[in-house]
Amino acid sequence: MTQTVETWQHKDTITNGIRMHYVTQGEGPLVILLHGFPEFWYS
């Protein structure tokens, strides 16, 4: 089954006073991808 952008869930959380945006999709093992400035979350 192929998942598309439409199934992504965009959320925000505040940690140590910093708002962080994250995106979740699907099931299975957790994968964390971090980017650096000035990239976008989807780069």
PDB file of N, CA and C in Angstrom:
ATOM      1  N   MET A   1       0.840  -1.185   0.000  1.00  0.00           N
ATOM      2  CA  MET A   1       0.000   0.000   0.000  1.00  0.00           C
ATOM      3  C   MET A   1       0.882   1.244   0.000  1.00  0.00           C
ATOM      4  N   THR A   2       0.649   2.143  -0.921  1.00  0.00           N
ATOM      5  CA  THR A   2       1.412   3.384  -1.007  1.00  0.00           C
ATOM      6  C   THR A   2       0.689   4.479  -0.241  1.00  0.00           C
ATOM      7  N   GLN A   3       1.427   5.177   0.627  1.00  0.00           N
ATOM      8  CA  GLN A   3       0.832   6.287   1.368  1.00  0.00           C
ATOM      9  C   GLN A   3       1.192   7.593   0.671  1.00  0.00           C
ATOM     10  N   THR A   4       0.275   8.540   0.691  1.00  0.00           N
ATOM     11  CA  THR A   4       0.495   9.807   0.010  1.00  0.00           C
ATOM     12  C   THR A   4       0.542  10.940   1.016  1.00  0.00           C
ATOM     13  N   VAL A   5       0.860  12.120   0.512  1.00  0.00           N
ATOM     14  CA  VAL A   5       0.946  13.311   1.353  1.00  0.00           C
ATOM     15  C   VAL A   5      -0.359  13.551   2.096  1.00  0.00           C
ATOM     16  N   GLU A   6      -1.484  13.172   1.519  1.00  0.00           N
ATOM     17  CA  GLU A   6      -2.780  13.416   2.148  1.00  0.00           C
ATOM     18  C   GLU A   6      -2.937  12.673   3.469  1.00  0.00           C
ATOM     19  N   THR A   7      -2.166  11.616   3.698  1.00  0.00           N
ATOM     20  CA  THR A   7      -2.295  10.850   4.937  1.00  0.00           C
ATOM     21  C   THR A   7      -1.369  11.359   6.039  1.00  0.00           C
ATOM     22  N   TRP A   8      -0.551  12.369   5.748  1.00  0.00           N
ATOM     23  CA  TRP A   8       0.354  12.914   6.759  1.00  0.00           C
ATOM     24  C   TRP A   8      -0.447  13.697   7.790  1.00  0.00           C
ATOM     25  N   GLN A   9      -0.062  13.596   9.058  1.00  0.00           N
ATOM     26  CA  GLN A   9      -0.706  14.345  10.135  1.00  0.00           C
ATOM     27  C   GLN A   9       0.293  15.363  10.670  1.00  0.00           C
ATOM     28  N   HIS A  10      -0.031  16.641  10.528  1.00  0.00           N
ATOM     29  CA  HIS A  10       0.837  17.721  10.990  1.00  0.00           C
ATOM     30  C   HIS A  10       0.438  18.107  12.409  1.00  0.00           C
ATOM     31  N   LYS A  11       1.418  18.197  13.294  1.00  0.00           N
ATOM     32  CA  LYS A  11       1.157  18.547  14.685  1.00  0.00           C
ATOM     33  C   LYS A  11       2.268  19.451  15.200  1.00  0.00           C
ATOM     34  N   ASP A  12       2.006  20.104  16.325  1.00  0.00           N
ATOM     35  CA  ASP A  12       2.996  20.937  17.004  1.00  0.00           C
ATOM     36  C   ASP A  12       3.086  20.506  18.455  1.00  0.00           C
ATOM     37  N   THR A  13       4.257  20.693  19.038  1.00  0.00           N
ATOM     38  CA  THR A  13       4.451  20.451  20.460  1.00  0.00           C
ATOM     39  C   THR A  13       5.369  21.539  20.993  1.00  0.00           C
ATOM     40  N   ILE A  14       5.256  21.847  22.268  1.00  0.00           N
ATOM     41  CA  ILE A  14       6.140  22.828  22.897  1.00  0.00           C
ATOM     42  C   ILE A  14       7.016  22.098  23.896  1.00  0.00           C
ATOM     43  N   THR A  15       8.330  22.214  23.717  1.00  0.00           N
ATOM     44  CA  THR A  15       9.312  21.568  24.574  1.00  0.00           C
ATOM     45  C   THR A  15      10.344  22.602  24.999  1.00  0.00           C
ATOM     46  N   ASN A  16      10.527  22.763  26.302  1.00  0.00           N
ATOM     47  CA  ASN A  16      11.478  23.755  26.828  1.00  0.00           C
ATOM     48  C   ASN A  16      11.225  25.145  26.249  1.00  0.00           C
ATOM     49  N   GLY A  17       9.953  25.492  26.047  1.00  0.00           N
ATOM     50  CA  GLY A  17       9.590  26.810  25.553  1.00  0.00           C
ATOM     51  C   GLY A  17       9.762  26.992  24.053  1.00  0.00           C
ATOM     52  N   ILE A  18      10.096  25.933  23.327  1.00  0.00           N
ATOM     53  CA  ILE A  18      10.298  26.009  21.882  1.00  0.00           C
ATOM     54  C   ILE A  18       9.190  25.225  21.190  1.00  0.00           C
ATOM     55  N   ARG A  19       8.507  25.899  20.245  1.00  0.00           N
ATOM     56  CA  ARG A  19       7.464  25.210  19.482  1.00  0.00           C
ATOM     57  C   ARG A  19       8.124  24.418  18.361  1.00  0.00           C
ATOM     58  N   MET A  20       7.776  23.131  18.278  1.00  0.00           N
ATOM     59  CA  MET A  20       8.328  22.271  17.238  1.00  0.00           C
ATOM     60  C   MET A  20       7.188  21.670  16.426  1.00  0.00           C
ATOM     61  N   HIS A  21       7.335  21.708  15.111  1.00  0.00           N
ATOM     62  CA  HIS A  21       6.365  21.124  14.188  1.00  0.00           C
ATOM     63  C   HIS A  21       6.852  19.727  13.823  1.00  0.00           C
ATOM     64  N   TYR A  22       5.933  18.759  13.791  1.00  0.00           N
ATOM     65  CA  TYR A  22       6.310  17.419  13.358  1.00  0.00           C
ATOM     66  C   TYR A  22       5.196  16.805  12.523  1.00  0.00           C
ATOM     67  N   VAL A  23       5.561  15.812  11.739  1.00  0.00           N
ATOM     68  CA  VAL A  23       4.630  15.156  10.831  1.00  0.00           C
ATOM     69  C   VAL A  23       4.697  13.657  11.083  1.00  0.00           C
ATOM     70  N   THR A  24       3.528  13.009  11.181  1.00  0.00           N
ATOM     71  CA  THR A  24       3.493  11.558  11.372  1.00  0.00           C
ATOM     72  C   THR A  24       2.740  10.918  10.215  1.00  0.00           C
ATOM     73  N   GLN A  25       3.091   9.647   9.958  1.00  0.00           N
ATOM     74  CA  GLN A  25       2.397   8.895   8.920  1.00  0.00           C
ATOM     75  C   GLN A  25       2.659   7.411   9.123  1.00  0.00           C
ATOM     76  N   GLY A  26       1.642   6.610   8.957  1.00  0.00           N
ATOM     77  CA  GLY A  26       1.794   5.168   8.919  1.00  0.00           C
ATOM     78  C   GLY A  26       2.017   4.501  10.261  1.00  0.00           C
ATOM     79  N   GLU A  27       2.422   3.239  10.178  1.00  0.00           N
ATOM     80  CA  GLU A  27       2.672   2.413  11.349  1.00  0.00           C
ATOM     81  C   GLU A  27       4.038   1.769  11.193  1.00  0.00           C
ATOM     82  N   GLY A  28       4.540   1.192  12.270  1.00  0.00           N
ATOM     83  CA  GLY A  28       5.817   0.499  12.200  1.00  0.00           C
ATOM     84  C   GLY A  28       6.861   1.179  13.061  1.00  0.00           C
ATOM     85  N   PRO A  29       8.121   0.805  12.882  1.00  0.00           N
ATOM     86  CA  PRO A  29       9.196   1.373  13.699  1.00  0.00           C
ATOM     87  C   PRO A  29       9.293   2.891  13.524  1.00  0.00           C
ATOM     88  N   LEU A  30       9.648   3.563  14.600  1.00  0.00           N
ATOM     89  CA  LEU A  30       9.797   5.014  14.585  1.00  0.00           C
ATOM     90  C   LEU A  30      11.046   5.416  13.817  1.00  0.00           C
ATOM     91  N   VAL A  31      10.908   6.422  12.958  1.00  0.00           N
ATOM     92  CA  VAL A  31      12.037   7.002  12.234  1.00  0.00           C
ATOM     93  C   VAL A  31      11.993   8.498  12.487  1.00  0.00           C
ATOM     94  N   ILE A  32      13.095   9.070  12.953  1.00  0.00           N
ATOM     95  CA  ILE A  32      13.160  10.508  13.217  1.00  0.00           C
ATOM     96  C   ILE A  32      14.144  11.132  12.241  1.00  0.00           C
ATOM     97  N   LEU A  33      13.685  12.141  11.512  1.00  0.00           N
ATOM     98  CA  LEU A  33      14.523  12.872  10.571  1.00  0.00           C
ATOM     99  C   LEU A  33      14.601  14.319  11.039  1.00  0.00           C
ATOM    100  N   LEU A  34      15.788  14.821  11.248  1.00  0.00           N
ATOM    101  CA  LEU A  34      15.983  16.202  11.687  1.00  0.00           C
ATOM    102  C   LEU A  34      16.685  16.981  10.588  1.00  0.00           C
ATOM    103  N   HIS A  35      16.288  18.216  10.405  1.00  0.00           N
ATOM    104  CA  HIS A  35      16.926  19.050   9.395  1.00  0.00           C
ATOM    105  C   HIS A  35      17.532  20.270  10.059  1.00  0.00           C
ATOM    106  N   GLY A  36      18.322  20.991   9.307  1.00  0.00           N
ATOM    107  CA  GLY A  36      18.931  22.210   9.820  1.00  0.00           C
ATOM    108  C   GLY A  36      18.497  23.418   9.018  1.00  0.00           C
ATOM    109  N   PHE A  37      18.633  24.583   9.601  1.00  0.00           N
ATOM    110  CA  PHE A  37      18.289  25.846   8.948  1.00  0.00           C
ATOM    111  C   PHE A  37      19.186  26.025   7.735  1.00  0.00           C
ATOM    112  N   PRO A  38      18.730  26.532   6.632  1.00  0.00           N
ATOM    113  CA  PRO A  38      17.410  27.088   6.339  1.00  0.00           C
ATOM    114  C   PRO A  38      16.510  26.125   5.586  1.00  0.00           C
ATOM    115  N   GLU A  39      16.690  24.848   5.723  1.00  0.00           N
ATOM    116  CA  GLU A  39      15.891  23.867   4.997  1.00  0.00           C
ATOM    117  C   GLU A  39      14.441  23.853   5.490  1.00  0.00           C
ATOM    118  N   PHE A  40      13.562  23.326   4.661  1.00  0.00           N
ATOM    119  CA  PHE A  40      12.172  23.139   5.031  1.00  0.00           C
ATOM    120  C   PHE A  40      11.971  21.737   5.576  1.00  0.00           C
ATOM    121  N   TRP A  41      10.889  21.489   6.290  1.00  0.00           N
ATOM    122  CA  TRP A  41      10.636  20.184   6.893  1.00  0.00           C
ATOM    123  C   TRP A  41      10.544  19.090   5.842  1.00  0.00           C
ATOM    124  N   TYR A  42      10.118  19.432   4.619  1.00  0.00           N
ATOM    125  CA  TYR A  42       9.922  18.420   3.587  1.00  0.00           C
ATOM    126  C   TYR A  42      11.120  18.259   2.660  1.00  0.00           C
ATOM    127  N   SER A  43      12.252  18.929   2.944  1.00  0.00           N
ATOM    128  CA  SER A  43      13.440  18.829   2.075  1.00  0.00           C
ATOM    129  C   SER A  43      14.109  17.489   2.217  1.00  0.00           C
TER     130      SER A  43
END
